[in-house]
């Protein structure tokens, strides 16, 4: 039942841009937004790691942490769309990938508000990058709704992957995956 609600929500978020009357002029906003997070490994790794880490923290954190990421990603996206500067965005994104990978690798346990603040800072960088890359002639609202829906889907993938952990082998696989994400972030930082 929960998965049906998630699927329905993602579909509903994609509809505003698709339903726009000026096909070809603004309709590509939601679709461009949906595709954008999947266009870079940095975004995929970070967003899946957020869902994974939130799931390992358990309880309400499983939903609060991804929600904090999505909310602050929207803020970062608006900043990017309106040209408000955020220093060192690309380096910040690479650093977030490394940090999130380490949080997963070490199964770092912190209170939910602290975790929400950490992912919120990460989200500002990712959102800003998405916002500054708003395609010409795309409807901004549809584009933002699209990249937020894609982000939610990637968080759900992370939560789902975390639920697959079984015993010591699953825990070892999780740590290896966390280290792989952290190393990818370090490689992105190195340029």
N, C-alpha and C. Protein backbone atom coordinates (compact mmCIF):
# COMPACT_ATOMS: atom_id res chain seq x y z
N UNK A 1 0.82 -1.19 0.00
CA UNK A 1 0.00 0.00 0.00
C UNK A 1 0.86 1.25 0.00
N UNK A 2 1.94 1.26 0.80
CA UNK A 2 2.81 2.44 0.88
C UNK A 2 3.46 2.72 -0.49
N UNK A 3 3.86 1.64 -1.17
CA UNK A 3 4.53 1.82 -2.46
C UNK A 3 3.58 2.38 -3.50
N UNK A 4 2.30 2.03 -3.42
CA UNK A 4 1.31 2.57 -4.34
C UNK A 4 1.13 4.07 -4.11
N UNK A 5 1.17 4.49 -2.86
CA UNK A 5 1.07 5.92 -2.55
C UNK A 5 2.28 6.68 -3.07
N UNK A 6 3.45 6.09 -2.90
CA UNK A 6 4.67 6.74 -3.39
C UNK A 6 4.61 6.87 -4.91
N UNK A 7 4.22 5.79 -5.60
CA UNK A 7 4.13 5.82 -7.06
C UNK A 7 3.11 6.85 -7.51
N UNK A 8 1.96 6.91 -6.84
CA UNK A 8 0.93 7.88 -7.20
C UNK A 8 1.41 9.32 -6.97
N UNK A 9 2.14 9.54 -5.88
CA UNK A 9 2.68 10.87 -5.60
C UNK A 9 3.68 11.29 -6.67
N UNK A 10 4.58 10.38 -7.03
CA UNK A 10 5.57 10.70 -8.08
C UNK A 10 4.88 11.01 -9.40
N UNK A 11 3.87 10.24 -9.74
CA UNK A 11 3.14 10.49 -10.98
C UNK A 11 2.43 11.84 -10.94
N UNK A 12 1.83 12.16 -9.80
CA UNK A 12 1.13 13.44 -9.66
C UNK A 12 2.09 14.62 -9.77
N UNK A 13 3.28 14.46 -9.22
CA UNK A 13 4.27 15.55 -9.30
C UNK A 13 4.73 15.78 -10.73
N UNK A 14 4.70 14.75 -11.54
CA UNK A 14 5.15 14.88 -12.93
C UNK A 14 4.08 15.48 -13.83
N UNK A 15 2.82 15.44 -13.42
CA UNK A 15 1.72 15.87 -14.29
C UNK A 15 1.68 17.36 -14.64
N UNK A 16 2.01 18.29 -13.74
CA UNK A 16 1.84 19.70 -14.11
C UNK A 16 2.58 20.10 -15.38
N UNK A 17 3.80 19.66 -15.54
CA UNK A 17 4.55 20.01 -16.74
C UNK A 17 4.04 19.30 -17.97
N UNK A 18 3.58 18.06 -17.83
CA UNK A 18 3.07 17.30 -18.96
C UNK A 18 1.75 17.88 -19.44
N UNK A 19 0.94 18.36 -18.52
CA UNK A 19 -0.39 18.84 -18.86
C UNK A 19 -0.40 20.28 -19.37
N UNK A 20 0.72 20.95 -19.37
CA UNK A 20 0.78 22.35 -19.77
C UNK A 20 0.31 22.51 -21.22
N UNK A 21 -0.44 23.55 -21.49
CA UNK A 21 -1.07 23.73 -22.80
C UNK A 21 -0.08 24.04 -23.92
N UNK A 22 1.07 24.60 -23.62
CA UNK A 22 2.03 24.98 -24.65
C UNK A 22 3.05 23.88 -24.85
N UNK A 23 2.65 22.84 -25.52
CA UNK A 23 3.53 21.69 -25.72
C UNK A 23 4.77 22.14 -26.48
N UNK A 24 5.92 21.73 -25.98
CA UNK A 24 7.17 22.08 -26.63
C UNK A 24 7.76 23.36 -26.10
N UNK A 25 6.95 24.23 -25.54
CA UNK A 25 7.46 25.49 -25.03
C UNK A 25 7.78 25.39 -23.55
N UNK A 26 6.83 24.90 -22.74
CA UNK A 26 7.05 24.79 -21.30
C UNK A 26 6.87 23.37 -20.78
N UNK A 27 6.28 22.50 -21.57
CA UNK A 27 5.91 21.18 -21.08
C UNK A 27 7.12 20.34 -20.69
N UNK A 28 8.28 20.70 -21.21
CA UNK A 28 9.46 19.89 -20.91
C UNK A 28 10.03 20.18 -19.53
N UNK A 29 9.45 21.08 -18.78
CA UNK A 29 9.97 21.41 -17.46
C UNK A 29 9.98 20.22 -16.51
N UNK A 30 8.83 19.57 -16.34
CA UNK A 30 8.75 18.43 -15.42
C UNK A 30 9.60 17.27 -15.90
N UNK A 31 9.56 17.01 -17.18
CA UNK A 31 10.34 15.89 -17.70
C UNK A 31 11.84 16.16 -17.60
N UNK A 32 12.24 17.39 -17.87
CA UNK A 32 13.65 17.75 -17.72
C UNK A 32 14.06 17.64 -16.26
N UNK A 33 13.19 18.09 -15.37
CA UNK A 33 13.47 17.98 -13.94
C UNK A 33 13.56 16.54 -13.48
N UNK A 34 12.66 15.70 -13.97
CA UNK A 34 12.70 14.28 -13.61
C UNK A 34 14.01 13.63 -14.05
N UNK A 35 14.48 14.01 -15.21
CA UNK A 35 15.70 13.39 -15.75
C UNK A 35 16.99 13.93 -15.16
N UNK A 36 16.95 15.17 -14.69
CA UNK A 36 18.20 15.81 -14.28
C UNK A 36 18.96 15.08 -13.18
N UNK A 37 18.34 14.64 -12.10
CA UNK A 37 19.11 13.95 -11.06
C UNK A 37 19.76 12.65 -11.55
N UNK A 38 19.21 12.07 -12.62
CA UNK A 38 19.77 10.84 -13.15
C UNK A 38 20.89 11.10 -14.16
N UNK A 39 21.17 12.37 -14.43
CA UNK A 39 22.19 12.71 -15.42
C UNK A 39 23.60 12.77 -14.85
N UNK A 40 23.73 12.66 -13.56
CA UNK A 40 25.06 12.70 -12.96
C UNK A 40 25.19 11.70 -11.83
N UNK A 41 26.26 10.96 -11.83
CA UNK A 41 26.49 9.95 -10.81
C UNK A 41 26.56 10.58 -9.42
N UNK A 42 27.06 11.81 -9.34
CA UNK A 42 27.16 12.48 -8.04
C UNK A 42 25.79 12.63 -7.39
N UNK A 43 24.80 13.01 -8.16
CA UNK A 43 23.45 13.18 -7.62
C UNK A 43 22.85 11.83 -7.23
N UNK A 44 23.00 10.86 -8.08
CA UNK A 44 22.45 9.52 -7.80
C UNK A 44 23.04 8.97 -6.51
N UNK A 45 24.37 9.01 -6.40
CA UNK A 45 25.03 8.45 -5.21
C UNK A 45 24.60 9.17 -3.94
N UNK A 46 24.56 10.48 -3.99
CA UNK A 46 24.20 11.25 -2.79
C UNK A 46 22.76 10.97 -2.36
N UNK A 47 21.85 10.96 -3.31
CA UNK A 47 20.44 10.82 -2.96
C UNK A 47 20.09 9.40 -2.49
N UNK A 48 20.71 8.40 -3.10
CA UNK A 48 20.50 7.04 -2.63
C UNK A 48 21.12 6.88 -1.24
N UNK A 49 22.29 7.49 -1.04
CA UNK A 49 22.95 7.41 0.28
C UNK A 49 22.11 8.06 1.37
N UNK A 50 21.43 9.15 1.05
CA UNK A 50 20.55 9.80 2.04
C UNK A 50 19.46 8.83 2.47
N UNK A 51 18.81 8.19 1.52
CA UNK A 51 17.76 7.22 1.86
C UNK A 51 18.31 6.05 2.65
N UNK A 52 19.47 5.58 2.25
CA UNK A 52 20.09 4.44 2.93
C UNK A 52 20.43 4.80 4.37
N UNK A 53 21.09 5.96 4.56
CA UNK A 53 21.49 6.38 5.90
C UNK A 53 20.26 6.61 6.78
N UNK A 54 19.24 7.25 6.22
CA UNK A 54 18.01 7.49 6.98
C UNK A 54 17.40 6.17 7.45
N UNK A 55 17.42 5.19 6.58
CA UNK A 55 16.85 3.89 6.93
C UNK A 55 17.64 3.21 8.04
N UNK A 56 18.97 3.36 8.01
CA UNK A 56 19.78 2.73 9.06
C UNK A 56 19.57 3.41 10.41
N UNK A 57 19.19 4.69 10.39
CA UNK A 57 18.90 5.38 11.65
C UNK A 57 17.56 4.92 12.21
N UNK A 58 16.66 4.49 11.33
CA UNK A 58 15.40 3.88 11.74
C UNK A 58 14.37 4.85 12.27
N UNK A 59 13.23 4.29 12.64
CA UNK A 59 12.14 5.07 13.20
C UNK A 59 11.68 6.19 12.28
N UNK A 60 11.34 7.32 12.89
CA UNK A 60 10.85 8.47 12.13
C UNK A 60 11.94 9.08 11.25
N UNK A 61 13.20 8.82 11.59
CA UNK A 61 14.30 9.35 10.78
C UNK A 61 14.21 8.87 9.34
N UNK A 62 13.64 7.70 9.15
CA UNK A 62 13.51 7.12 7.81
C UNK A 62 12.75 8.05 6.87
N UNK A 63 11.86 8.87 7.41
CA UNK A 63 11.07 9.78 6.57
C UNK A 63 11.45 11.24 6.81
N UNK A 64 11.85 11.58 8.03
CA UNK A 64 12.21 12.97 8.33
C UNK A 64 13.45 13.40 7.56
N UNK A 65 14.47 12.55 7.52
CA UNK A 65 15.73 12.92 6.88
C UNK A 65 15.56 13.13 5.37
N UNK A 66 14.95 12.18 4.64
CA UNK A 66 14.72 12.47 3.21
C UNK A 66 13.82 13.69 2.99
N UNK A 67 12.84 13.89 3.87
CA UNK A 67 11.96 15.05 3.73
C UNK A 67 12.74 16.35 3.91
N UNK A 68 13.67 16.36 4.87
CA UNK A 68 14.51 17.55 5.07
C UNK A 68 15.36 17.80 3.83
N UNK A 69 15.89 16.72 3.25
CA UNK A 69 16.70 16.87 2.04
C UNK A 69 15.86 17.49 0.93
N UNK A 70 14.67 16.95 0.70
CA UNK A 70 13.81 17.43 -0.38
C UNK A 70 13.43 18.90 -0.14
N UNK A 71 13.07 19.25 1.09
CA UNK A 71 12.67 20.63 1.38
C UNK A 71 13.81 21.61 1.12
N UNK A 72 15.00 21.27 1.60
CA UNK A 72 16.12 22.20 1.41
C UNK A 72 16.68 22.14 -0.01
N UNK A 73 16.44 21.04 -0.70
CA UNK A 73 16.81 20.98 -2.10
C UNK A 73 15.94 21.95 -2.90
N UNK A 74 14.67 22.05 -2.54
CA UNK A 74 13.78 23.02 -3.19
C UNK A 74 14.27 24.44 -2.95
N UNK A 75 14.73 24.72 -1.73
CA UNK A 75 15.28 26.05 -1.42
C UNK A 75 16.52 26.31 -2.27
N UNK A 76 17.42 25.33 -2.32
CA UNK A 76 18.63 25.47 -3.15
C UNK A 76 18.27 25.64 -4.61
N UNK A 77 17.26 24.91 -5.08
CA UNK A 77 16.83 25.04 -6.47
C UNK A 77 16.32 26.43 -6.77
N UNK A 78 15.52 26.97 -5.86
CA UNK A 78 15.02 28.34 -6.05
C UNK A 78 16.17 29.33 -6.05
N UNK A 79 17.15 29.12 -5.17
CA UNK A 79 18.32 30.01 -5.16
C UNK A 79 19.03 29.99 -6.51
N UNK A 80 19.20 28.79 -7.07
CA UNK A 80 19.86 28.67 -8.37
C UNK A 80 19.06 29.29 -9.49
N UNK A 81 17.76 29.07 -9.49
CA UNK A 81 16.90 29.62 -10.54
C UNK A 81 16.92 31.14 -10.50
N UNK A 82 16.89 31.73 -9.30
CA UNK A 82 16.86 33.18 -9.17
C UNK A 82 18.24 33.83 -9.13
N UNK A 83 19.29 33.02 -9.34
CA UNK A 83 20.64 33.56 -9.43
C UNK A 83 21.27 33.96 -8.11
N UNK A 84 20.75 33.47 -7.00
CA UNK A 84 21.37 33.76 -5.71
C UNK A 84 22.62 32.89 -5.56
N UNK A 85 23.75 33.49 -5.27
CA UNK A 85 24.99 32.73 -5.26
C UNK A 85 25.12 31.77 -4.07
N UNK A 86 25.77 30.68 -4.32
CA UNK A 86 26.16 29.72 -3.29
C UNK A 86 27.59 29.34 -3.63
N UNK A 87 28.53 29.65 -2.75
CA UNK A 87 29.94 29.44 -3.10
C UNK A 87 30.29 27.97 -3.25
N UNK A 88 31.18 27.70 -4.18
CA UNK A 88 31.80 26.39 -4.38
C UNK A 88 30.79 25.26 -4.52
N UNK A 89 29.80 25.42 -5.39
CA UNK A 89 28.73 24.45 -5.52
C UNK A 89 29.26 23.09 -5.95
N UNK A 90 30.07 23.04 -6.99
CA UNK A 90 30.56 21.74 -7.48
C UNK A 90 31.43 21.05 -6.44
N UNK A 91 32.30 21.79 -5.77
CA UNK A 91 33.11 21.19 -4.70
C UNK A 91 32.22 20.75 -3.55
N UNK A 92 31.21 21.55 -3.25
CA UNK A 92 30.26 21.19 -2.19
C UNK A 92 29.52 19.91 -2.51
N UNK A 93 29.12 19.74 -3.77
CA UNK A 93 28.43 18.51 -4.17
C UNK A 93 29.36 17.31 -4.01
N UNK A 94 30.58 17.44 -4.48
CA UNK A 94 31.55 16.34 -4.36
C UNK A 94 31.79 16.00 -2.89
N UNK A 95 31.90 17.02 -2.06
CA UNK A 95 32.11 16.79 -0.63
C UNK A 95 30.90 16.10 0.00
N UNK A 96 29.71 16.48 -0.43
CA UNK A 96 28.52 15.83 0.12
C UNK A 96 28.48 14.35 -0.23
N UNK A 97 28.90 14.00 -1.42
CA UNK A 97 28.94 12.59 -1.82
C UNK A 97 29.90 11.83 -0.91
N UNK A 98 31.09 12.41 -0.68
CA UNK A 98 32.07 11.75 0.19
C UNK A 98 31.54 11.62 1.61
N UNK A 99 30.98 12.69 2.14
CA UNK A 99 30.48 12.67 3.52
C UNK A 99 29.34 11.67 3.68
N UNK A 100 28.39 11.69 2.76
CA UNK A 100 27.27 10.76 2.86
C UNK A 100 27.74 9.31 2.74
N UNK A 101 28.72 9.06 1.89
CA UNK A 101 29.28 7.72 1.80
C UNK A 101 29.91 7.27 3.11
N UNK A 102 30.63 8.17 3.76
CA UNK A 102 31.24 7.83 5.05
C UNK A 102 30.20 7.61 6.13
N UNK A 103 29.13 8.39 6.11
CA UNK A 103 28.06 8.20 7.09
C UNK A 103 27.44 6.81 6.95
N UNK A 104 27.31 6.35 5.71
CA UNK A 104 26.78 5.00 5.47
C UNK A 104 27.82 3.95 5.86
N UNK A 105 29.07 4.15 5.43
CA UNK A 105 30.12 3.15 5.68
C UNK A 105 30.32 2.90 7.17
N UNK A 106 30.26 3.95 7.97
CA UNK A 106 30.49 3.82 9.40
C UNK A 106 29.20 3.69 10.21
N UNK A 107 28.06 3.65 9.51
CA UNK A 107 26.75 3.57 10.18
C UNK A 107 26.68 4.59 11.32
N UNK A 108 27.00 5.82 10.99
CA UNK A 108 27.03 6.90 11.98
C UNK A 108 25.63 7.11 12.54
N UNK A 109 25.52 7.07 13.85
CA UNK A 109 24.24 7.28 14.54
C UNK A 109 24.28 8.64 15.22
N UNK A 110 23.37 9.49 14.81
CA UNK A 110 23.21 10.82 15.41
C UNK A 110 21.72 11.05 15.61
N UNK A 111 21.36 12.00 16.47
CA UNK A 111 19.94 12.33 16.61
C UNK A 111 19.35 12.80 15.28
N UNK A 112 18.09 12.53 15.09
CA UNK A 112 17.42 12.87 13.83
C UNK A 112 17.56 14.34 13.44
N UNK A 113 17.42 15.30 14.37
CA UNK A 113 17.59 16.71 13.96
C UNK A 113 19.00 17.00 13.44
N UNK A 114 20.00 16.37 14.00
CA UNK A 114 21.37 16.57 13.52
C UNK A 114 21.52 15.98 12.12
N UNK A 115 20.99 14.77 11.92
CA UNK A 115 21.05 14.15 10.61
C UNK A 115 20.30 14.98 9.57
N UNK A 116 19.14 15.52 9.96
CA UNK A 116 18.37 16.35 9.04
C UNK A 116 19.15 17.62 8.67
N UNK A 117 19.86 18.19 9.62
CA UNK A 117 20.68 19.39 9.33
C UNK A 117 21.82 19.04 8.38
N UNK A 118 22.46 17.91 8.59
CA UNK A 118 23.58 17.48 7.73
C UNK A 118 23.09 17.31 6.30
N UNK A 119 22.00 16.55 6.12
CA UNK A 119 21.52 16.33 4.76
C UNK A 119 20.93 17.61 4.17
N UNK A 120 20.43 18.49 5.02
CA UNK A 120 19.90 19.76 4.54
C UNK A 120 20.98 20.62 3.89
N UNK A 121 22.15 20.65 4.51
CA UNK A 121 23.27 21.40 3.93
C UNK A 121 23.66 20.77 2.59
N UNK A 122 23.71 19.44 2.57
CA UNK A 122 24.03 18.74 1.31
C UNK A 122 23.01 19.10 0.23
N UNK A 123 21.74 19.12 0.62
CA UNK A 123 20.66 19.37 -0.33
C UNK A 123 20.74 20.76 -0.95
N UNK A 124 21.18 21.75 -0.19
CA UNK A 124 21.30 23.10 -0.75
C UNK A 124 22.21 23.11 -1.96
N UNK A 125 23.34 22.41 -1.87
CA UNK A 125 24.29 22.36 -3.00
C UNK A 125 23.67 21.64 -4.20
N UNK A 126 23.06 20.48 -3.95
CA UNK A 126 22.46 19.73 -5.06
C UNK A 126 21.31 20.52 -5.69
N UNK A 127 20.47 21.12 -4.86
CA UNK A 127 19.36 21.90 -5.38
C UNK A 127 19.83 23.11 -6.18
N UNK A 128 20.86 23.77 -5.67
CA UNK A 128 21.38 24.95 -6.38
C UNK A 128 21.88 24.56 -7.76
N UNK A 129 22.59 23.44 -7.83
CA UNK A 129 23.09 22.97 -9.13
C UNK A 129 21.93 22.67 -10.08
N UNK A 130 20.89 22.02 -9.58
CA UNK A 130 19.72 21.74 -10.42
C UNK A 130 19.08 23.04 -10.88
N UNK A 131 18.92 23.98 -9.96
CA UNK A 131 18.27 25.24 -10.29
C UNK A 131 19.01 26.05 -11.33
N UNK A 132 20.33 26.11 -11.22
CA UNK A 132 21.10 26.89 -12.20
C UNK A 132 21.09 26.24 -13.58
N UNK A 133 20.73 24.96 -13.63
CA UNK A 133 20.70 24.26 -14.92
C UNK A 133 19.28 24.15 -15.48
N UNK A 134 18.40 25.03 -15.05
CA UNK A 134 17.05 25.08 -15.59
C UNK A 134 17.14 25.28 -17.10
N UNK A 135 16.59 24.35 -17.88
CA UNK A 135 16.68 24.50 -19.33
C UNK A 135 15.94 25.75 -19.83
N UNK A 136 16.47 26.36 -20.87
CA UNK A 136 15.82 27.52 -21.47
C UNK A 136 14.41 27.13 -21.90
N UNK A 137 13.47 27.98 -21.68
CA UNK A 137 12.08 27.81 -22.06
C UNK A 137 11.35 26.74 -21.24
N UNK A 138 11.98 26.17 -20.23
CA UNK A 138 11.30 25.19 -19.39
C UNK A 138 10.50 25.90 -18.32
N UNK A 139 9.39 25.34 -17.94
CA UNK A 139 8.57 25.89 -16.87
C UNK A 139 9.27 25.58 -15.55
N UNK A 140 9.64 26.61 -14.80
CA UNK A 140 10.43 26.43 -13.57
C UNK A 140 9.70 25.58 -12.54
N UNK A 141 8.40 25.80 -12.36
CA UNK A 141 7.64 25.03 -11.38
C UNK A 141 7.62 23.55 -11.71
N UNK A 142 7.39 23.24 -12.98
CA UNK A 142 7.40 21.84 -13.41
C UNK A 142 8.77 21.21 -13.27
N UNK A 143 9.80 21.99 -13.60
CA UNK A 143 11.18 21.50 -13.50
C UNK A 143 11.53 21.16 -12.05
N UNK A 144 11.20 22.06 -11.14
CA UNK A 144 11.47 21.81 -9.72
C UNK A 144 10.67 20.60 -9.23
N UNK A 145 9.39 20.53 -9.58
CA UNK A 145 8.58 19.37 -9.19
C UNK A 145 9.18 18.09 -9.74
N UNK A 146 9.69 18.14 -10.95
CA UNK A 146 10.30 16.97 -11.56
C UNK A 146 11.55 16.52 -10.84
N UNK A 147 12.47 17.46 -10.53
CA UNK A 147 13.70 17.00 -9.88
C UNK A 147 13.46 16.62 -8.43
N UNK A 148 12.43 17.19 -7.81
CA UNK A 148 12.09 16.75 -6.45
C UNK A 148 11.48 15.35 -6.47
N UNK A 149 10.65 15.06 -7.47
CA UNK A 149 10.07 13.72 -7.59
C UNK A 149 11.16 12.69 -7.84
N UNK A 150 12.12 13.01 -8.69
CA UNK A 150 13.22 12.09 -8.95
C UNK A 150 14.05 11.88 -7.69
N UNK A 151 14.23 12.92 -6.93
CA UNK A 151 14.98 12.82 -5.67
C UNK A 151 14.25 11.90 -4.69
N UNK A 152 12.95 12.05 -4.59
CA UNK A 152 12.16 11.18 -3.72
C UNK A 152 12.32 9.73 -4.16
N UNK A 153 12.29 9.49 -5.46
CA UNK A 153 12.45 8.13 -5.97
C UNK A 153 13.82 7.57 -5.61
N UNK A 154 14.86 8.38 -5.73
CA UNK A 154 16.22 7.92 -5.38
C UNK A 154 16.34 7.67 -3.88
N UNK A 155 15.71 8.50 -3.06
CA UNK A 155 15.70 8.25 -1.62
C UNK A 155 14.99 6.91 -1.33
N UNK A 156 13.88 6.67 -2.01
CA UNK A 156 13.13 5.42 -1.81
C UNK A 156 13.99 4.21 -2.20
N UNK A 157 14.78 4.35 -3.24
CA UNK A 157 15.70 3.27 -3.63
C UNK A 157 16.69 3.01 -2.50
N UNK A 158 17.24 4.08 -1.94
CA UNK A 158 18.18 3.93 -0.82
C UNK A 158 17.53 3.26 0.38
N UNK A 159 16.31 3.65 0.70
CA UNK A 159 15.59 3.05 1.82
C UNK A 159 15.34 1.57 1.53
N UNK A 160 14.95 1.28 0.29
CA UNK A 160 14.72 -0.11 -0.10
C UNK A 160 15.98 -0.96 -0.02
N UNK A 161 17.10 -0.41 -0.51
CA UNK A 161 18.37 -1.15 -0.45
C UNK A 161 18.78 -1.41 0.99
N UNK A 162 18.57 -0.45 1.87
CA UNK A 162 18.93 -0.63 3.28
C UNK A 162 18.10 -1.72 3.92
N UNK A 163 16.87 -1.88 3.45
CA UNK A 163 16.01 -2.91 4.04
C UNK A 163 16.43 -4.31 3.61
N UNK A 164 17.29 -4.42 2.61
CA UNK A 164 17.75 -5.72 2.12
C UNK A 164 18.94 -6.28 2.90
N UNK A 165 19.44 -5.53 3.84
CA UNK A 165 20.61 -5.99 4.61
C UNK A 165 20.24 -7.23 5.43
N UNK A 166 21.02 -8.28 5.24
CA UNK A 166 20.79 -9.51 5.99
C UNK A 166 22.09 -9.93 6.65
N UNK A 167 22.11 -9.96 7.96
CA UNK A 167 23.25 -10.49 8.71
C UNK A 167 24.55 -9.77 8.45
N UNK A 168 25.63 -10.46 8.73
CA UNK A 168 26.97 -9.87 8.60
C UNK A 168 27.35 -9.60 7.15
N UNK A 169 26.91 -10.46 6.24
CA UNK A 169 27.23 -10.26 4.83
C UNK A 169 26.59 -8.97 4.32
N UNK A 170 25.34 -8.74 4.71
CA UNK A 170 24.66 -7.52 4.30
C UNK A 170 25.30 -6.28 4.89
N UNK A 171 25.73 -6.40 6.13
CA UNK A 171 26.39 -5.27 6.78
C UNK A 171 27.74 -4.97 6.11
N UNK A 172 28.47 -6.02 5.74
CA UNK A 172 29.74 -5.82 5.03
C UNK A 172 29.50 -5.18 3.67
N UNK A 173 28.45 -5.62 2.97
CA UNK A 173 28.14 -5.04 1.66
C UNK A 173 27.79 -3.56 1.81
N UNK A 174 27.05 -3.23 2.89
CA UNK A 174 26.68 -1.84 3.14
C UNK A 174 27.94 -0.99 3.36
N UNK A 175 28.85 -1.50 4.16
CA UNK A 175 30.08 -0.74 4.43
C UNK A 175 30.90 -0.54 3.15
N UNK A 176 30.98 -1.59 2.35
CA UNK A 176 31.72 -1.50 1.08
C UNK A 176 31.06 -0.47 0.17
N UNK A 177 29.74 -0.52 0.09
CA UNK A 177 29.02 0.45 -0.74
C UNK A 177 29.25 1.87 -0.23
N UNK A 178 29.22 2.05 1.08
CA UNK A 178 29.49 3.37 1.66
C UNK A 178 30.88 3.87 1.30
N UNK A 179 31.86 2.98 1.42
CA UNK A 179 33.24 3.36 1.05
C UNK A 179 33.33 3.69 -0.44
N UNK A 180 32.63 2.92 -1.28
CA UNK A 180 32.66 3.20 -2.72
C UNK A 180 32.08 4.59 -3.01
N UNK A 181 31.00 4.93 -2.34
CA UNK A 181 30.40 6.26 -2.52
C UNK A 181 31.37 7.34 -2.03
N UNK A 182 31.99 7.11 -0.88
CA UNK A 182 32.96 8.08 -0.33
C UNK A 182 34.14 8.26 -1.28
N UNK A 183 34.63 7.17 -1.84
CA UNK A 183 35.75 7.26 -2.78
C UNK A 183 35.34 7.98 -4.06
N UNK A 184 34.11 7.75 -4.51
CA UNK A 184 33.62 8.48 -5.69
C UNK A 184 33.57 9.97 -5.40
N UNK A 185 33.13 10.33 -4.18
CA UNK A 185 33.13 11.75 -3.80
C UNK A 185 34.53 12.33 -3.76
N UNK A 186 35.49 11.55 -3.24
CA UNK A 186 36.88 12.02 -3.20
C UNK A 186 37.42 12.20 -4.61
N UNK A 187 37.06 11.28 -5.51
CA UNK A 187 37.50 11.40 -6.91
C UNK A 187 36.90 12.65 -7.56
N UNK A 188 35.65 12.94 -7.24
CA UNK A 188 35.01 14.14 -7.78
C UNK A 188 35.70 15.40 -7.24
N UNK A 189 36.08 15.37 -5.98
CA UNK A 189 36.79 16.50 -5.39
C UNK A 189 38.15 16.72 -6.06
N UNK A 190 38.81 15.61 -6.38
CA UNK A 190 40.14 15.68 -7.00
C UNK A 190 40.06 16.21 -8.43
N UNK A 191 38.86 16.14 -9.00
CA UNK A 191 38.65 16.70 -10.32
C UNK A 191 38.80 15.72 -11.40
